[in-house]
Amino acid sequence: MDFDKAYKAKKHITDYVFSDSKGERQFAHDLDEAKEVVVYAKLPRTFQIPTPVGNYAPDWAIAMEVNGIKHIFFIAENLSVICLFSPLSVDWHLLIYED
């Protein structure tokens, strides 16, 4: 593993995040700094969620706690735009990271 490109994480399920871009590295840093984030994971490409229209392969999973309520988000990434989707609601959140 190339640890030169790794980000030393605080709340990731492993000690290091191997990001694919500067935007992902910044995203991991922001997750570590967010007080609402309990734990997060950069998911392997083989992780898939079956849906009626085909399998969904999110890049990230985030567990958060806001006002005592626990949330799980799965992240779909498209270039520098990161979409947060909660399977328990219809809410989408957009975050934009510049590479």
C-alpha atoms as a PDB file:
ATOM      1  CA  MET A   1       0.000   0.000   0.000  1.00  0.00           C
ATOM      2  CA  ASP A   2       1.151   3.498  -0.842  1.00  0.00           C
ATOM      3  CA  PHE A   3       0.941   5.388   2.457  1.00  0.00           C
ATOM      4  CA  ASP A   4       2.295   8.562   0.802  1.00  0.00           C
ATOM      5  CA  LYS A   5      -1.187   9.148  -0.630  1.00  0.00           C
ATOM      6  CA  ALA A   6      -3.019   7.993   2.489  1.00  0.00           C
ATOM      7  CA  TYR A   7      -4.905  10.282   4.853  1.00  0.00           C
ATOM      8  CA  LYS A   8      -4.461   9.533   8.588  1.00  0.00           C
ATOM      9  CA  ALA A   9      -8.084   9.377   9.720  1.00  0.00           C
ATOM     10  CA  LYS A  10      -9.672   9.827  13.138  1.00  0.00           C
ATOM     11  CA  LYS A  11     -13.191   8.424  12.619  1.00  0.00           C
ATOM     12  CA  HIS A  12     -12.723   6.068   9.655  1.00  0.00           C
ATOM     13  CA  ILE A  13     -13.176   2.338  10.243  1.00  0.00           C
ATOM     14  CA  THR A  14      -9.468   1.925   9.462  1.00  0.00           C
ATOM     15  CA  ASP A  15      -6.537   4.128  10.454  1.00  0.00           C
ATOM     16  CA  TYR A  16      -5.954   5.418   6.916  1.00  0.00           C
ATOM     17  CA  VAL A  17      -8.132   6.503   3.990  1.00  0.00           C
ATOM     18  CA  PHE A  18      -6.711   5.837   0.541  1.00  0.00           C
ATOM     19  CA  SER A  19      -8.410   8.560  -1.467  1.00  0.00           C
ATOM     20  CA  ASP A  20      -8.740   8.737  -5.237  1.00  0.00           C
ATOM     21  CA  SER A  21      -8.531  12.541  -5.393  1.00  0.00           C
ATOM     22  CA  LYS A  22      -7.850  15.728  -3.446  1.00  0.00           C
ATOM     23  CA  GLY A  23     -11.606  16.181  -3.148  1.00  0.00           C
ATOM     24  CA  GLU A  24     -12.005  12.802  -1.456  1.00  0.00           C
ATOM     25  CA  ARG A  25      -9.107  13.559   0.873  1.00  0.00           C
ATOM     26  CA  GLN A  26     -10.736  16.868   1.850  1.00  0.00           C
ATOM     27  CA  PHE A  27     -14.077  15.102   2.283  1.00  0.00           C
ATOM     28  CA  ALA A  28     -12.477  12.573   4.674  1.00  0.00           C
ATOM     29  CA  HIS A  29     -10.859  15.419   6.615  1.00  0.00           C
ATOM     30  CA  ASP A  30     -14.205  17.230   6.882  1.00  0.00           C
ATOM     31  CA  LEU A  31     -15.884  14.043   8.124  1.00  0.00           C
ATOM     32  CA  ASP A  32     -13.208  13.698  10.808  1.00  0.00           C
ATOM     33  CA  GLU A  33     -13.810  17.281  11.923  1.00  0.00           C
ATOM     34  CA  ALA A  34     -17.632  17.113  11.935  1.00  0.00           C
ATOM     35  CA  LYS A  35     -18.938  16.614  15.465  1.00  0.00           C
ATOM     36  CA  GLU A  36     -22.079  14.833  14.168  1.00  0.00           C
ATOM     37  CA  VAL A  37     -20.075  12.083  12.442  1.00  0.00           C
ATOM     38  CA  VAL A  38     -19.633   8.992  14.600  1.00  0.00           C
ATOM     39  CA  VAL A  39     -17.847   6.776  12.068  1.00  0.00           C
ATOM     40  CA  TYR A  40     -17.392   6.593   8.298  1.00  0.00           C
ATOM     41  CA  ALA A  41     -16.008   4.260   5.651  1.00  0.00           C
ATOM     42  CA  LYS A  42     -14.717   4.557   2.114  1.00  0.00           C
ATOM     43  CA  LEU A  43     -16.430   1.524   0.661  1.00  0.00           C
ATOM     44  CA  PRO A  44     -14.776  -1.028  -1.619  1.00  0.00           C
ATOM     45  CA  ARG A  45     -15.926  -1.073  -5.238  1.00  0.00           C
ATOM     46  CA  THR A  46     -17.462  -4.490  -4.621  1.00  0.00           C
ATOM     47  CA  PHE A  47     -19.940  -3.128  -2.030  1.00  0.00           C
ATOM     48  CA  GLN A  48     -23.375  -2.925  -3.655  1.00  0.00           C
ATOM     49  CA  ILE A  49     -26.940  -2.287  -2.537  1.00  0.00           C
ATOM     50  CA  PRO A  50     -29.614  -4.036  -4.617  1.00  0.00           C
ATOM     51  CA  THR A  51     -32.399  -1.771  -5.909  1.00  0.00           C
ATOM     52  CA  PRO A  52     -35.352  -2.420  -8.250  1.00  0.00           C
ATOM     53  CA  VAL A  53     -33.450  -0.766 -11.123  1.00  0.00           C
ATOM     54  CA  GLY A  54     -30.080  -2.426 -10.532  1.00  0.00           C
ATOM     55  CA  ASN A  55     -27.281  -2.440  -8.020  1.00  0.00           C
ATOM     56  CA  TYR A  56     -26.127   0.814  -6.418  1.00  0.00           C
ATOM     57  CA  ALA A  57     -22.432   1.038  -5.527  1.00  0.00           C
ATOM     58  CA  PRO A  58     -21.899   3.938  -3.097  1.00  0.00           C
ATOM     59  CA  ASP A  59     -18.400   5.257  -2.480  1.00  0.00           C
ATOM     60  CA  TRP A  60     -18.839   6.156   1.192  1.00  0.00           C
ATOM     61  CA  ALA A  61     -20.972   5.273   4.218  1.00  0.00           C
ATOM     62  CA  ILE A  62     -21.380   7.699   7.114  1.00  0.00           C
ATOM     63  CA  ALA A  63     -22.980   7.141  10.513  1.00  0.00           C
ATOM     64  CA  MET A  64     -24.064  10.378  12.178  1.00  0.00           C
ATOM     65  CA  GLU A  65     -25.924  11.387  15.312  1.00  0.00           C
ATOM     66  CA  VAL A  66     -27.893  14.630  15.269  1.00  0.00           C
ATOM     67  CA  ASN A  67     -30.012  15.664  18.268  1.00  0.00           C
ATOM     68  CA  GLY A  68     -29.906  12.111  19.602  1.00  0.00           C
ATOM     69  CA  ILE A  69     -31.144  10.631  16.314  1.00  0.00           C
ATOM     70  CA  LYS A  70     -28.843   8.246  14.453  1.00  0.00           C
ATOM     71  CA  HIS A  71     -28.582   8.461  10.663  1.00  0.00           C
ATOM     72  CA  ILE A  72     -26.781   6.405   8.045  1.00  0.00           C
ATOM     73  CA  PHE A  73     -25.874   8.013   4.729  1.00  0.00           C
ATOM     74  CA  PHE A  74     -24.549   6.399   1.575  1.00  0.00           C
ATOM     75  CA  ILE A  75     -22.612   8.663  -0.758  1.00  0.00           C
ATOM     76  CA  ALA A  76     -22.666   8.702  -4.543  1.00  0.00           C
ATOM     77  CA  GLU A  77     -19.846  10.673  -6.085  1.00  0.00           C
ATOM     78  CA  ASN A  78     -19.692  12.314  -9.480  1.00  0.00           C
ATOM     79  CA  LEU A  79     -16.432  14.191 -10.106  1.00  0.00           C
ATOM     80  CA  SER A  80     -16.291  16.970  -7.504  1.00  0.00           C
ATOM     81  CA  VAL A  81     -19.955  16.817  -6.517  1.00  0.00           C
ATOM     82  CA  ILE A  82     -20.813  14.492  -3.668  1.00  0.00           C
ATOM     83  CA  CYS A  83     -24.460  13.568  -3.058  1.00  0.00           C
ATOM     84  CA  LEU A  84     -25.532  12.330   0.371  1.00  0.00           C
ATOM     85  CA  PHE A  85     -28.518  10.000   0.380  1.00  0.00           C
ATOM     86  CA  SER A  86     -30.219   8.574   3.416  1.00  0.00           C
ATOM     87  CA  PRO A  87     -32.091   5.339   2.715  1.00  0.00           C
ATOM     88  CA  LEU A  88     -34.456   6.177   5.578  1.00  0.00           C
ATOM     89  CA  SER A  89     -35.680   9.450   4.067  1.00  0.00           C
ATOM     90  CA  VAL A  90     -36.100  11.181   0.743  1.00  0.00           C
ATOM     91  CA  ASP A  91     -33.541  13.865   1.562  1.00  0.00           C
ATOM     92  CA  TRP A  92     -30.548  14.465  -0.692  1.00  0.00           C
ATOM     93  CA  HIS A  93     -27.705  16.774   0.282  1.00  0.00           C
ATOM     94  CA  LEU A  94     -25.129  18.145  -2.144  1.00  0.00           C
ATOM     95  CA  LEU A  95     -21.561  18.937  -1.176  1.00  0.00           C
ATOM     96  CA  ILE A  96     -19.153  20.353  -3.723  1.00  0.00           C
ATOM     97  CA  TYR A  97     -15.422  19.725  -3.411  1.00  0.00           C
ATOM     98  CA  GLU A  98     -12.932  21.270  -5.781  1.00  0.00           C
ATOM     99  CA  ASP A  99     -10.027  19.135  -6.957  1.00  0.00           C
END
